[in-house]
Every structure is written in structure tokens, then in C-alpha cells.
C-alpha atoms as a PDB file:
ATOM      1  CA  UNK A   1      -3.781  17.852  16.026  1.00  0.00           C
ATOM      2  CA  UNK A   2      -2.382  18.458  12.541  1.00  0.00           C
ATOM      3  CA  UNK A   3       0.357  16.525  10.766  1.00  0.00           C
ATOM      4  CA  UNK A   4       2.711  19.527  10.858  1.00  0.00           C
ATOM      5  CA  UNK A   5       2.741  19.227  14.665  1.00  0.00           C
ATOM      6  CA  UNK A   6       4.201  15.693  14.637  1.00  0.00           C
ATOM      7  CA  UNK A   7       6.136  15.451  11.361  1.00  0.00           C
ATOM      8  CA  UNK A   8       9.878  15.603  10.942  1.00  0.00           C
ATOM      9  CA  UNK A   9      10.583  18.574   8.685  1.00  0.00           C
ATOM     10  CA  UNK A  10      14.358  18.118   8.525  1.00  0.00           C
ATOM     11  CA  UNK A  11      14.230  15.512   5.755  1.00  0.00           C
ATOM     12  CA  UNK A  12      16.999  14.463   3.412  1.00  0.00           C
ATOM     13  CA  UNK A  13      15.819  13.504  -0.071  1.00  0.00           C
ATOM     14  CA  UNK A  14      17.328  12.204  -3.284  1.00  0.00           C
ATOM     15  CA  UNK A  15      16.540  12.074  -6.990  1.00  0.00           C
ATOM     16  CA  UNK A  16      15.598   9.046  -9.087  1.00  0.00           C
ATOM     17  CA  UNK A  17      19.076   8.824 -10.627  1.00  0.00           C
ATOM     18  CA  UNK A  18      20.842   8.570  -7.240  1.00  0.00           C
ATOM     19  CA  UNK A  19      22.803   5.344  -6.748  1.00  0.00           C
ATOM     20  CA  UNK A  20      21.772   3.017  -3.933  1.00  0.00           C
ATOM     21  CA  UNK A  21      25.168   3.334  -2.245  1.00  0.00           C
ATOM     22  CA  UNK A  22      24.639   7.119  -2.118  1.00  0.00           C
ATOM     23  CA  UNK A  23      21.186   6.604  -0.566  1.00  0.00           C
ATOM     24  CA  UNK A  24      22.643   4.175   1.982  1.00  0.00           C
ATOM     25  CA  UNK A  25      25.246   6.830   2.870  1.00  0.00           C
ATOM     26  CA  UNK A  26      22.468   9.429   3.275  1.00  0.00           C
ATOM     27  CA  UNK A  27      20.681   7.053   5.650  1.00  0.00           C
ATOM     28  CA  UNK A  28      23.838   6.502   7.671  1.00  0.00           C
ATOM     29  CA  UNK A  29      24.792  10.188   7.804  1.00  0.00           C
ATOM     30  CA  UNK A  30      21.262  11.306   8.735  1.00  0.00           C
ATOM     31  CA  UNK A  31      20.357   8.414  11.068  1.00  0.00           C
ATOM     32  CA  UNK A  32      17.243   7.441   9.147  1.00  0.00           C
ATOM     33  CA  UNK A  33      15.819   4.311   7.514  1.00  0.00           C
ATOM     34  CA  UNK A  34      13.974   5.964   4.636  1.00  0.00           C
ATOM     35  CA  UNK A  35      14.749   8.635   2.075  1.00  0.00           C
ATOM     36  CA  UNK A  36      12.053  10.368   0.023  1.00  0.00           C
ATOM     37  CA  UNK A  37      12.630  10.524  -3.727  1.00  0.00           C
ATOM     38  CA  UNK A  38      11.716  13.843  -5.351  1.00  0.00           C
ATOM     39  CA  UNK A  39      11.744  15.219  -8.874  1.00  0.00           C
ATOM     40  CA  UNK A  40      13.531  18.448  -9.863  1.00  0.00           C
ATOM     41  CA  UNK A  41      10.590  20.483  -8.548  1.00  0.00           C
ATOM     42  CA  UNK A  42      10.849  18.804  -5.092  1.00  0.00           C
ATOM     43  CA  UNK A  43       7.609  16.867  -5.635  1.00  0.00           C
ATOM     44  CA  UNK A  44       7.671  13.379  -4.057  1.00  0.00           C
ATOM     45  CA  UNK A  45       7.744  10.526  -6.569  1.00  0.00           C
ATOM     46  CA  UNK A  46       8.777   7.662  -4.282  1.00  0.00           C
ATOM     47  CA  UNK A  47      10.506   6.557  -1.109  1.00  0.00           C
ATOM     48  CA  UNK A  48      13.457   4.203  -0.550  1.00  0.00           C
ATOM     49  CA  UNK A  49      13.882   2.280   2.694  1.00  0.00           C
ATOM     50  CA  UNK A  50      16.876   0.437   4.058  1.00  0.00           C
ATOM     51  CA  UNK A  51      14.962  -2.789   3.435  1.00  0.00           C
ATOM     52  CA  UNK A  52      14.440  -1.814  -0.219  1.00  0.00           C
ATOM     53  CA  UNK A  53      18.196  -1.463  -0.604  1.00  0.00           C
ATOM     54  CA  UNK A  54      18.895  -4.817   1.060  1.00  0.00           C
ATOM     55  CA  UNK A  55      16.318  -6.625  -1.104  1.00  0.00           C
ATOM     56  CA  UNK A  56      17.628  -4.977  -4.293  1.00  0.00           C
ATOM     57  CA  UNK A  57      21.141  -6.160  -3.462  1.00  0.00           C
ATOM     58  CA  UNK A  58      19.860  -9.677  -2.798  1.00  0.00           C
ATOM     59  CA  UNK A  59      17.683 -10.031  -5.886  1.00  0.00           C
ATOM     60  CA  UNK A  60      19.770  -8.118  -8.447  1.00  0.00           C
ATOM     61  CA  UNK A  61      23.154  -9.566  -7.398  1.00  0.00           C
ATOM     62  CA  UNK A  62      24.772  -6.247  -8.260  1.00  0.00           C
ATOM     63  CA  UNK A  63      26.813  -3.724  -6.303  1.00  0.00           C
ATOM     64  CA  UNK A  64      24.821  -0.851  -4.837  1.00  0.00           C
ATOM     65  CA  UNK A  65      26.778   1.715  -6.867  1.00  0.00           C
ATOM     66  CA  UNK A  66      25.498   0.057 -10.070  1.00  0.00           C
ATOM     67  CA  UNK A  67      21.817   0.358  -9.089  1.00  0.00           C
ATOM     68  CA  UNK A  68      19.758   3.539  -8.959  1.00  0.00           C
ATOM     69  CA  UNK A  69      16.720   4.640  -7.026  1.00  0.00           C
ATOM     70  CA  UNK A  70      14.497   4.596 -10.122  1.00  0.00           C
ATOM     71  CA  UNK A  71      14.924   0.806 -10.256  1.00  0.00           C
ATOM     72  CA  UNK A  72      13.345   0.545  -6.799  1.00  0.00           C
ATOM     73  CA  UNK A  73      10.503   3.033  -7.150  1.00  0.00           C
ATOM     74  CA  UNK A  74       9.188   1.736 -10.495  1.00  0.00           C
ATOM     75  CA  UNK A  75       5.544   0.829  -9.985  1.00  0.00           C
ATOM     76  CA  UNK A  76       5.622   1.992  -6.369  1.00  0.00           C
ATOM     77  CA  UNK A  77       2.344   3.270  -4.926  1.00  0.00           C
ATOM     78  CA  UNK A  78       3.255   6.451  -3.095  1.00  0.00           C
ATOM     79  CA  UNK A  79       1.248   7.403  -0.030  1.00  0.00           C
ATOM     80  CA  UNK A  80       1.305  11.080   1.002  1.00  0.00           C
ATOM     81  CA  UNK A  81      -0.655  13.434   3.194  1.00  0.00           C
ATOM     82  CA  UNK A  82      -0.736  17.210   3.550  1.00  0.00           C
ATOM     83  CA  UNK A  83       0.768  19.033   6.494  1.00  0.00           C
ATOM     84  CA  UNK A  84      -2.625  20.597   7.280  1.00  0.00           C
ATOM     85  CA  UNK A  85      -4.339  17.162   7.489  1.00  0.00           C
ATOM     86  CA  UNK A  86      -5.307  15.936  10.930  1.00  0.00           C
ATOM     87  CA  UNK A  87      -3.149  13.184  12.400  1.00  0.00           C
ATOM     88  CA  UNK A  88      -6.067  10.757  12.703  1.00  0.00           C
ATOM     89  CA  UNK A  89      -6.603  10.957   8.930  1.00  0.00           C
ATOM     90  CA  UNK A  90      -2.882  10.429   8.364  1.00  0.00           C
ATOM     91  CA  UNK A  91      -2.977   7.430  10.695  1.00  0.00           C
ATOM     92  CA  UNK A  92      -5.917   5.954   8.781  1.00  0.00           C
ATOM     93  CA  UNK A  93      -4.082   6.455   5.483  1.00  0.00           C
ATOM     94  CA  UNK A  94      -0.994   4.702   6.890  1.00  0.00           C
ATOM     95  CA  UNK A  95      -3.112   1.795   8.098  1.00  0.00           C
ATOM     96  CA  UNK A  96      -5.031   1.460   4.814  1.00  0.00           C
ATOM     97  CA  UNK A  97      -1.790   1.459   2.808  1.00  0.00           C
ATOM     98  CA  UNK A  98       0.168  -0.719   5.237  1.00  0.00           C
ATOM     99  CA  UNK A  99       3.026   1.776   5.531  1.00  0.00           C
ATOM    100  CA  UNK A 100       5.157   2.780   8.496  1.00  0.00           C
ATOM    101  CA  UNK A 101       6.120   6.157   7.077  1.00  0.00           C
ATOM    102  CA  UNK A 102       4.174   8.697   5.063  1.00  0.00           C
ATOM    103  CA  UNK A 103       5.520  11.650   3.116  1.00  0.00           C
ATOM    104  CA  UNK A 104       4.057  15.056   3.890  1.00  0.00           C
ATOM    105  CA  UNK A 105       3.509  17.709   1.232  1.00  0.00           C
ATOM    106  CA  UNK A 106       2.807  21.432   1.185  1.00  0.00           C
ATOM    107  CA  UNK A 107      -0.226  22.937  -0.556  1.00  0.00           C
ATOM    108  CA  UNK A 108       1.813  23.131  -3.787  1.00  0.00           C
ATOM    109  CA  UNK A 109       2.643  19.392  -3.648  1.00  0.00           C
ATOM    110  CA  UNK A 110       6.293  19.806  -2.692  1.00  0.00           C
ATOM    111  CA  UNK A 111       7.916  17.747   0.048  1.00  0.00           C
ATOM    112  CA  UNK A 112       7.677  19.333   3.498  1.00  0.00           C
ATOM    113  CA  UNK A 113       8.385  16.383   5.792  1.00  0.00           C
ATOM    114  CA  UNK A 114       7.777  12.808   6.800  1.00  0.00           C
ATOM    115  CA  UNK A 115       5.738  11.152   9.538  1.00  0.00           C
ATOM    116  CA  UNK A 116       6.888   7.816  10.936  1.00  0.00           C
ATOM    117  CA  UNK A 117       5.337   5.392  13.392  1.00  0.00           C
ATOM    118  CA  UNK A 118       7.790   6.760  15.955  1.00  0.00           C
ATOM    119  CA  UNK A 119       6.452  10.281  15.438  1.00  0.00           C
ATOM    120  CA  UNK A 120       2.904   9.004  15.905  1.00  0.00           C
ATOM    121  CA  UNK A 121       3.823   7.072  19.065  1.00  0.00           C
ATOM    122  CA  UNK A 122       5.604  10.139  20.474  1.00  0.00           C
ATOM    123  CA  UNK A 123       2.355  12.122  20.066  1.00  0.00           C
ATOM    124  CA  UNK A 124       0.302   9.431  21.816  1.00  0.00           C
ATOM    125  CA  UNK A 125      -0.896   9.508  25.402  1.00  0.00           C
ATOM    126  CA  UNK A 126      -2.966   7.087  27.437  1.00  0.00           C
ATOM    127  CA  UNK A 127      -5.878   9.524  27.469  1.00  0.00           C
ATOM    128  CA  UNK A 128      -6.898  11.512  24.459  1.00  0.00           C
ATOM    129  CA  UNK A 129      -6.739  15.245  24.981  1.00  0.00           C
ATOM    130  CA  UNK A 130      -6.984  18.129  22.542  1.00  0.00           C
ATOM    131  CA  UNK A 131      -3.296  17.901  21.652  1.00  0.00           C
ATOM    132  CA  UNK A 132      -2.708  14.166  21.693  1.00  0.00           C
ATOM    133  CA  UNK A 133      -3.756  10.980  19.954  1.00  0.00           C
ATOM    134  CA  UNK A 134      -5.668   8.202  21.635  1.00  0.00           C
ATOM    135  CA  UNK A 135      -3.634   5.081  22.275  1.00  0.00           C
ATOM    136  CA  UNK A 136      -6.283   2.697  20.908  1.00  0.00           C
ATOM    137  CA  UNK A 137      -6.138   4.236  17.410  1.00  0.00           C
ATOM    138  CA  UNK A 138      -2.360   4.134  17.356  1.00  0.00           C
ATOM    139  CA  UNK A 139      -2.202   0.528  18.592  1.00  0.00           C
ATOM    140  CA  UNK A 140      -4.686  -0.579  15.927  1.00  0.00           C
ATOM    141  CA  UNK A 141      -2.543   0.999  13.205  1.00  0.00           C
ATOM    142  CA  UNK A 142       0.666  -0.457  14.613  1.00  0.00           C
ATOM    143  CA  UNK A 143      -0.907  -3.914  14.679  1.00  0.00           C
ATOM    144  CA  UNK A 144      -2.008  -3.548  11.065  1.00  0.00           C
ATOM    145  CA  UNK A 145       1.309  -2.371   9.603  1.00  0.00           C
ATOM    146  CA  UNK A 146       3.682  -4.292  11.890  1.00  0.00           C
ATOM    147  CA  UNK A 147       2.110  -7.738  11.788  1.00  0.00           C
ATOM    148  CA  UNK A 148       3.578 -10.578   9.799  1.00  0.00           C
ATOM    149  CA  UNK A 149       1.951 -11.167   6.474  1.00  0.00           C
ATOM    150  CA  UNK A 150       0.540 -14.624   7.096  1.00  0.00           C
ATOM    151  CA  UNK A 151       0.301 -15.605   3.416  1.00  0.00           C
ATOM    152  CA  UNK A 152       4.022 -14.902   2.959  1.00  0.00           C
ATOM    153  CA  UNK A 153       4.898 -16.831   6.115  1.00  0.00           C
ATOM    154  CA  UNK A 154       2.865 -19.865   5.027  1.00  0.00           C
ATOM    155  CA  UNK A 155       4.485 -19.838   1.583  1.00  0.00           C
ATOM    156  CA  UNK A 156       7.969 -19.878   3.105  1.00  0.00           C
ATOM    157  CA  UNK A 157       7.088 -22.601   5.607  1.00  0.00           C
ATOM    158  CA  UNK A 158       5.556 -24.871   2.955  1.00  0.00           C
ATOM    159  CA  UNK A 159       8.714 -24.840   0.785  1.00  0.00           C
END
């Protein structure tokens, strides 16, 4: 099974100069929790999540309309796959990078879609067949990217 069979291709994106309140509005209007950031050539350069926006508001103590996407994606390690990649490889990449969503690109590097954990779960069945993913692989990835980060939890508890 290839990534293009499970990805969401109807993806709303934004540019690096977009304000965080505009991105939050895009999320609300499109019922999504993440918006890919692309350059003028539609090549992915980052991704903004609803959590990113909340943490920026908390730590910067500034209104969302005064902050831009480029402030969030600075230094961000972007994880992408190609739409022709197999889903198992995409799943491995998600697990290795600890991400719940991965941007999907065309052969020319432009944005073609996004794959989320929900998309992966929807393609999963109890028994692996030619057109499905095995549940054990998906559960292992979900455990890896959804678990609490124990070092962070201990640091908060010890304060």
C-alpha cells in the first residue's frame, strides 16, 4: 500500500509570514489540527500544530496576530515522505521522528498531502492483507509517538 492511498490530499497550507491567528482560523475553518507551511513554490518548509500555537501564546505573552509562523518553524526538523513511498516506510519514519503527522510531497518536492495517525489507523485491519496495514506495526508506532515523555514528566514532578 502506498502513501497516496491513505493520505489526505485536500490540505490547507500557509506561508511563513502568516500570523498565528490566521493559522488558527484556517484550522477552525478546515477542521484540522495542523497546517503545513510552504514557500512560494509550494515546497514544505515546516508545519504548525494547534499545540504550537498554544505554546507560543503561553511563552511569548503576545497576541496571536502579532506572531507569525516563521517564529514557530525556526529550527524545526521537518519530516516528509513521498506519495509513492509504501505506508510501512512512512510509519517507520513517523515513529523514528516521534511525529503524529507527516507531510507528503510529489516527485518535484511540492506539497501533495498529509498523513496523520488517524489516516494510518483507518487503513489498519486486524489481519494484514495486500491492501491493509498490520495492527501490530501501527500499535507500536502509536505507542512510540503517543507516550508521555518520562524525562519531562519527572522534571515537572520534581519541581
